[in-house]
Amino acid sequence: MPRLSGDSPYAFTVLPSVEAVPAARDRVVNRARRLGLALDEELRNDLRLLTGEVVANSVTHTRAACVVSVQWTGERLRVEVTDVDPTLVRPSQAEAMDENGRGLFLVDALATEWGSQPCTAGKKTWFELAIPASVEETAAVTASHSDAAAEHPAPITSAPARIEHQAA
C-alpha cells in the first residue's frame, strides 16, 4: 500500500479530559493506517500505548487541551503532543505501590526515540516508532532500544499541519 507522504503532517486537538484519550489513540492508529504504514498487531498496540501515555500525561498534568500531531518521516512515525506547560517531562521515580508514574518508562522502553522540548505554546513531548517498509519486514524490526537510540531522527518537513478539532 503506498504511503501518502504529501498528506502528512496531520494534527487534532484533544479535550482536557482522560476520557478523550481513547479516541486520540484511535485517531493516531487510523492516521498511520491511512498513511499505508505496515502495522502488525504489536506495532498497533505499541502505538496505542505510547499515544495514550503521552496524551494522558499532558491532559492530566496541564488540565488543558493539547494538540496531537502525526507525521511520517520516511522511516519513522512521529507523534507529537503539544501542551501549555513549559516544564519538560522526564521519567519519575515511582515506588512499588504507586498507581502512577510509570508511563514515561513505558515510552522509553517501547519508542524508537522520544523526548520533550520547549515550544512557543509550552512544550512538545514526542515519540517515534520505526515502521518497516512492508509487513514482511515487520519481524525484522527487533533492534534493541539502545541500538535504535544511536540513530538520528529523519528531519521533519516544515509543511503546515492540518488541524482538526475533536468533538466532545
Protein backbone atom coordinates (compact mmCIF):
# COMPACT_ATOMS: atom_id res chain seq x y z
CA MET A 1 0.00 0.00 0.00
CA PRO A 2 1.50 3.40 -0.92
CA ARG A 3 2.44 5.87 1.76
CA LEU A 4 0.90 9.32 1.48
CA SER A 5 3.85 11.49 2.41
CA GLY A 6 2.32 14.62 0.87
CA ASP A 7 -0.68 14.31 3.18
CA SER A 8 1.48 14.47 6.30
CA PRO A 9 1.57 16.03 8.93
CA TYR A 10 -1.88 15.70 10.45
CA ALA A 11 -2.99 17.21 13.76
CA PHE A 12 -6.02 17.37 16.01
CA THR A 13 -6.99 18.84 19.37
CA VAL A 14 -7.70 16.65 22.40
CA LEU A 15 -10.02 17.97 25.08
CA PRO A 16 -8.60 18.27 28.63
CA SER A 17 -10.05 15.01 29.91
CA VAL A 18 -8.71 11.50 30.36
CA GLU A 19 -11.97 10.32 28.77
CA ALA A 20 -10.69 11.84 25.48
CA VAL A 21 -7.54 9.67 25.48
CA PRO A 22 -9.01 6.50 23.87
CA ALA A 23 -10.36 8.48 20.91
CA ALA A 24 -6.96 10.17 20.48
CA ARG A 25 -5.24 6.75 20.44
CA ASP A 26 -7.67 5.51 17.80
CA ARG A 27 -7.18 8.62 15.64
CA VAL A 28 -3.39 8.18 15.67
CA VAL A 29 -3.63 4.49 14.70
CA ASN A 30 -6.19 5.30 11.99
CA ARG A 31 -3.90 8.01 10.63
CA ALA A 32 -0.99 5.54 10.47
CA ARG A 33 -3.19 3.13 8.54
CA ARG A 34 -4.30 5.86 6.12
CA LEU A 35 -0.64 6.61 5.51
CA GLY A 36 -0.32 3.00 4.35
CA LEU A 37 2.12 2.01 7.09
CA ALA A 38 2.77 -1.68 7.74
CA LEU A 39 1.46 -2.02 11.28
CA ASP A 40 1.24 -5.51 12.66
CA GLU A 41 -0.67 -6.10 15.90
CA GLU A 42 2.39 -5.46 18.08
CA LEU A 43 3.16 -2.11 16.41
CA ARG A 44 -0.52 -1.07 16.62
CA ASN A 45 -0.57 -1.93 20.31
CA ASP A 46 2.69 -0.05 20.93
CA LEU A 47 1.38 2.97 19.03
CA ARG A 48 -1.85 2.95 21.06
CA LEU A 49 0.00 2.58 24.35
CA LEU A 50 2.60 5.27 23.61
CA THR A 51 -0.03 7.71 22.36
CA GLY A 52 -2.22 7.05 25.37
CA GLU A 53 0.62 7.60 27.83
CA VAL A 54 1.81 10.87 26.30
CA VAL A 55 -1.69 12.31 25.79
CA ALA A 56 -2.89 11.23 29.25
CA ASN A 57 0.23 12.75 30.80
CA SER A 58 -0.49 16.03 29.04
CA VAL A 59 -4.19 16.38 29.88
CA THR A 60 -3.73 15.10 33.45
CA HIS A 61 -0.91 17.45 34.37
CA THR A 62 -2.00 20.56 32.47
CA ARG A 63 -5.79 20.23 32.77
CA ALA A 64 -5.85 21.90 29.36
CA ALA A 65 -6.40 20.78 25.79
CA CYS A 66 -3.41 19.54 23.83
CA VAL A 67 -2.67 19.16 20.13
CA VAL A 68 -1.58 15.80 18.75
CA SER A 69 0.38 15.80 15.51
CA VAL A 70 1.15 12.67 13.47
CA GLN A 71 3.76 12.65 10.74
CA TRP A 72 5.52 10.07 8.61
CA THR A 73 9.22 10.99 8.30
CA GLY A 74 10.02 8.41 5.62
CA GLU A 75 11.39 5.90 8.15
CA ARG A 76 9.53 6.61 11.36
CA LEU A 77 6.10 7.59 12.54
CA ARG A 78 6.43 10.67 14.74
CA VAL A 79 3.70 11.62 17.21
CA GLU A 80 3.96 14.97 18.98
CA VAL A 81 1.77 16.21 21.82
CA THR A 82 1.90 19.97 22.35
CA ASP A 83 0.59 21.42 25.59
CA VAL A 84 0.70 24.68 27.54
CA ASP A 85 3.04 23.58 30.35
CA PRO A 86 6.66 24.63 29.66
CA THR A 87 8.03 22.04 32.12
CA LEU A 88 9.85 19.35 30.17
CA VAL A 89 8.88 15.78 31.00
CA ARG A 90 11.13 13.02 32.26
CA PRO A 91 10.50 9.65 33.89
CA SER A 92 9.73 9.88 37.60
CA GLN A 93 10.78 7.52 40.36
CA ALA A 94 7.60 5.59 41.10
CA GLU A 95 7.56 3.44 44.22
CA ALA A 96 6.41 -0.18 44.10
CA MET A 97 2.91 0.61 45.41
CA ASP A 98 2.39 3.85 43.42
CA GLU A 99 -0.54 3.75 40.99
CA ASN A 100 1.00 6.40 38.70
CA GLY A 101 4.42 7.46 37.49
CA ARG A 102 5.46 4.66 35.13
CA GLY A 103 4.12 5.95 31.80
CA LEU A 104 7.32 7.55 30.57
CA PHE A 105 9.28 4.41 31.44
CA LEU A 106 6.97 2.58 29.02
CA VAL A 107 7.53 5.29 26.42
CA ASP A 108 11.28 4.98 26.91
CA ALA A 109 11.13 1.19 26.60
CA LEU A 110 8.89 0.98 23.52
CA ALA A 111 9.61 4.06 21.41
CA THR A 112 12.46 4.08 18.93
CA GLU A 113 13.24 7.54 20.27
CA TRP A 114 11.36 10.10 22.36
CA GLY A 115 11.84 13.45 24.04
CA SER A 116 10.41 16.69 25.30
CA GLN A 117 11.34 20.15 24.05
CA PRO A 118 10.19 23.71 24.68
CA CYS A 119 7.99 25.44 22.11
CA THR A 120 6.07 28.69 21.85
CA ALA A 121 2.88 27.13 23.26
CA GLY A 122 4.67 25.43 26.18
CA LYS A 123 6.31 22.12 25.28
CA LYS A 124 6.18 19.26 22.80
CA THR A 125 6.52 15.71 24.01
CA TRP A 126 7.16 13.36 21.11
CA PHE A 127 7.97 9.80 20.27
CA GLU A 128 8.94 7.99 17.11
CA LEU A 129 8.38 4.40 16.05
CA ALA A 130 10.43 2.77 13.30
CA ILE A 131 7.98 1.26 10.85
CA PRO A 132 9.14 -1.39 8.37
CA ALA A 133 8.58 -0.78 4.67
CA SER A 134 6.32 -3.83 4.40
CA VAL A 135 4.52 -6.35 6.56
CA GLU A 136 7.23 -8.92 5.75
CA GLU A 137 9.84 -6.60 7.23
CA THR A 138 7.87 -6.13 10.45
CA ALA A 139 9.58 -9.14 12.02
CA ALA A 140 12.95 -7.59 11.19
CA VAL A 141 12.27 -4.58 13.41
CA THR A 142 13.58 -6.20 16.57
CA ALA A 143 16.58 -3.98 17.27
CA SER A 144 17.01 -3.09 20.91
CA HIS A 145 16.13 0.39 22.13
CA SER A 146 19.81 1.13 22.71
CA ASP A 147 20.61 0.29 19.07
CA ALA A 148 17.72 2.45 17.86
CA ALA A 149 18.76 5.37 20.07
CA ALA A 150 22.06 5.59 18.21
CA GLU A 151 20.22 6.52 15.02
CA HIS A 152 19.37 10.14 14.24
CA PRO A 153 15.73 11.00 13.53
CA ALA A 154 14.81 11.89 9.98
CA PRO A 155 14.16 15.62 9.51
CA ILE A 156 10.57 16.76 9.68
CA THR A 157 9.39 18.95 6.83
CA SER A 158 8.01 22.38 7.60
CA ALA A 159 4.69 21.72 5.86
CA PRO A 160 1.82 23.22 7.84
CA ALA A 161 -0.21 20.74 9.83
CA ARG A 162 -3.91 20.29 9.10
CA ILE A 163 -5.68 20.85 12.42
CA GLU A 164 -8.95 19.11 13.23
CA HIS A 165 -10.95 19.71 16.37
CA GLN A 166 -12.19 16.65 18.17
CA ALA A 167 -15.84 16.70 19.12
CA ALA A 168 -16.68 16.20 22.78
